[in-house]
Amino acid sequence: MSLTSTAHDLVLLASEGAEQHGGNHDSLNPYLTGGGAFVVLLLMLWVTTRLNRDR
C-alpha cells in the first residue's frame, strides 16, 4: 500500500456522508470563535509574563 493510495482512502472515508452534513454548523460564528481564541491567547500570554518575572 503506497502513501498516495492510503491518503486517497482516508479522503474518501472523511468525505463519506459529506452531502448530508456539509461540515459547517449554523451556530458557529467564525468571528466569535476567532475572537474568543484570540482573547484566550492574550490572557495566557499575560499570565505567562506575570509569572515569569526575574526575582
N, C-alpha and C. Protein backbone atom coordinates (compact mmCIF):
# COMPACT_ATOMS: atom_id res chain seq x y z
N MET A 1 0.85 -1.18 0.00
CA MET A 1 0.00 0.00 0.00
C MET A 1 0.89 1.23 0.00
N SER A 2 0.67 2.10 -0.96
CA SER A 2 1.51 3.29 -1.07
C SER A 2 0.89 4.45 -0.30
N LEU A 3 1.68 5.48 -0.14
CA LEU A 3 1.23 6.65 0.60
C LEU A 3 0.08 7.36 -0.11
N THR A 4 0.14 7.42 -1.43
CA THR A 4 -0.92 8.11 -2.17
C THR A 4 -2.24 7.36 -2.10
N SER A 5 -2.18 6.02 -2.18
CA SER A 5 -3.44 5.27 -2.10
C SER A 5 -4.02 5.32 -0.68
N THR A 6 -3.15 5.36 0.33
CA THR A 6 -3.62 5.49 1.71
C THR A 6 -4.28 6.85 1.92
N ALA A 7 -3.65 7.89 1.40
CA ALA A 7 -4.22 9.23 1.52
C ALA A 7 -5.56 9.31 0.80
N HIS A 8 -5.64 8.70 -0.37
CA HIS A 8 -6.89 8.71 -1.14
C HIS A 8 -7.99 7.98 -0.36
N ASP A 9 -7.66 6.85 0.24
CA ASP A 9 -8.64 6.11 1.03
C ASP A 9 -9.12 6.92 2.23
N LEU A 10 -8.20 7.64 2.88
CA LEU A 10 -8.58 8.47 4.03
C LEU A 10 -9.47 9.64 3.62
N VAL A 11 -9.18 10.22 2.47
CA VAL A 11 -10.03 11.32 1.97
C VAL A 11 -11.43 10.81 1.66
N LEU A 12 -11.53 9.64 1.04
CA LEU A 12 -12.84 9.07 0.75
C LEU A 12 -13.60 8.75 2.04
N LEU A 13 -12.89 8.24 3.04
CA LEU A 13 -13.53 7.93 4.31
C LEU A 13 -14.02 9.20 5.00
N ALA A 14 -13.21 10.25 4.95
CA ALA A 14 -13.59 11.51 5.61
C ALA A 14 -14.75 12.20 4.89
N SER A 15 -14.83 12.04 3.56
CA SER A 15 -15.88 12.72 2.82
C SER A 15 -17.17 11.92 2.75
N GLU A 16 -17.17 10.73 3.32
CA GLU A 16 -18.37 9.91 3.31
C GLU A 16 -19.48 10.61 4.10
N GLY A 17 -20.60 10.81 3.50
CA GLY A 17 -21.72 11.47 4.17
C GLY A 17 -21.60 12.98 4.20
N ALA A 18 -20.66 13.54 3.46
CA ALA A 18 -20.48 14.99 3.45
C ALA A 18 -21.66 15.69 2.78
N GLU A 19 -22.36 14.98 1.90
CA GLU A 19 -23.50 15.60 1.24
C GLU A 19 -24.62 15.89 2.24
N GLN A 20 -24.70 15.07 3.28
CA GLN A 20 -25.77 15.24 4.25
C GLN A 20 -25.44 16.32 5.28
N HIS A 21 -24.19 16.38 5.72
CA HIS A 21 -23.86 17.24 6.84
C HIS A 21 -23.21 18.56 6.44
N GLY A 22 -22.40 18.58 5.44
CA GLY A 22 -21.81 19.82 4.96
C GLY A 22 -20.59 20.28 5.73
N GLY A 23 -20.45 19.93 6.99
CA GLY A 23 -19.26 20.27 7.74
C GLY A 23 -19.35 21.54 8.54
N ASN A 24 -20.22 22.47 8.19
CA ASN A 24 -20.35 23.73 8.92
C ASN A 24 -21.65 23.72 9.70
N HIS A 25 -21.57 24.15 10.94
CA HIS A 25 -22.76 24.21 11.78
C HIS A 25 -23.26 25.64 11.79
N ASP A 26 -24.56 25.82 11.76
CA ASP A 26 -25.13 27.16 11.66
C ASP A 26 -24.83 28.02 12.87
N SER A 27 -24.67 27.40 14.05
CA SER A 27 -24.48 28.20 15.25
C SER A 27 -23.04 28.62 15.47
N LEU A 28 -22.10 28.18 14.64
CA LEU A 28 -20.70 28.55 14.79
C LEU A 28 -20.40 29.82 14.00
N ASN A 29 -20.15 30.89 14.72
CA ASN A 29 -19.79 32.15 14.08
C ASN A 29 -18.27 32.23 14.04
N PRO A 30 -17.67 32.32 12.86
CA PRO A 30 -16.20 32.32 12.78
C PRO A 30 -15.57 33.52 13.46
N TYR A 31 -16.23 34.67 13.44
CA TYR A 31 -15.67 35.86 14.09
C TYR A 31 -15.68 35.70 15.61
N LEU A 32 -16.75 35.13 16.14
CA LEU A 32 -16.83 34.91 17.58
C LEU A 32 -15.83 33.84 18.02
N THR A 33 -15.70 32.79 17.24
CA THR A 33 -14.76 31.73 17.57
C THR A 33 -13.32 32.25 17.52
N GLY A 34 -12.98 32.97 16.47
CA GLY A 34 -11.63 33.52 16.34
C GLY A 34 -11.34 34.58 17.39
N GLY A 35 -12.33 35.42 17.68
CA GLY A 35 -12.15 36.44 18.71
C GLY A 35 -11.98 35.83 20.08
N GLY A 36 -12.75 34.79 20.36
CA GLY A 36 -12.61 34.11 21.65
C GLY A 36 -11.26 33.45 21.80
N ALA A 37 -10.77 32.83 20.73
CA ALA A 37 -9.44 32.20 20.76
C ALA A 37 -8.36 33.26 20.95
N PHE A 38 -8.52 34.40 20.31
CA PHE A 38 -7.55 35.49 20.43
C PHE A 38 -7.50 36.02 21.86
N VAL A 39 -8.68 36.19 22.47
CA VAL A 39 -8.74 36.67 23.85
C VAL A 39 -8.11 35.66 24.81
N VAL A 40 -8.38 34.39 24.60
CA VAL A 40 -7.79 33.35 25.45
C VAL A 40 -6.27 33.34 25.31
N LEU A 41 -5.76 33.48 24.09
CA LEU A 41 -4.31 33.51 23.89
C LEU A 41 -3.68 34.74 24.53
N LEU A 42 -4.34 35.89 24.44
CA LEU A 42 -3.82 37.09 25.10
C LEU A 42 -3.81 36.93 26.61
N LEU A 43 -4.85 36.31 27.17
CA LEU A 43 -4.89 36.06 28.61
C LEU A 43 -3.77 35.12 29.03
N MET A 44 -3.54 34.07 28.25
CA MET A 44 -2.45 33.14 28.56
C MET A 44 -1.10 33.83 28.47
N LEU A 45 -0.91 34.72 27.49
CA LEU A 45 0.33 35.48 27.37
C LEU A 45 0.52 36.39 28.57
N TRP A 46 -0.54 37.05 28.99
CA TRP A 46 -0.45 37.96 30.14
C TRP A 46 -0.10 37.18 31.41
N VAL A 47 -0.74 36.04 31.64
CA VAL A 47 -0.45 35.23 32.83
C VAL A 47 0.99 34.73 32.78
N THR A 48 1.46 34.31 31.61
CA THR A 48 2.83 33.81 31.48
C THR A 48 3.84 34.91 31.79
N THR A 49 3.60 36.12 31.28
CA THR A 49 4.54 37.20 31.54
C THR A 49 4.50 37.65 32.99
N ARG A 50 3.38 37.54 33.65
CA ARG A 50 3.30 37.92 35.08
C ARG A 50 4.05 36.90 35.95
N LEU A 51 3.99 35.63 35.60
CA LEU A 51 4.61 34.59 36.41
C LEU A 51 6.08 34.37 36.07
N ASN A 52 6.55 34.96 35.00
CA ASN A 52 7.91 34.70 34.53
C ASN A 52 8.85 35.88 34.82
N ARG A 53 8.62 36.59 35.89
CA ARG A 53 9.49 37.73 36.22
C ARG A 53 10.74 37.23 36.93
N ASP A 54 11.84 37.86 36.62
CA ASP A 54 13.09 37.53 37.31
C ASP A 54 13.03 38.08 38.72
N ARG A 55 13.47 37.25 39.64
CA ARG A 55 13.41 37.69 41.05
C ARG A 55 14.78 37.92 41.59
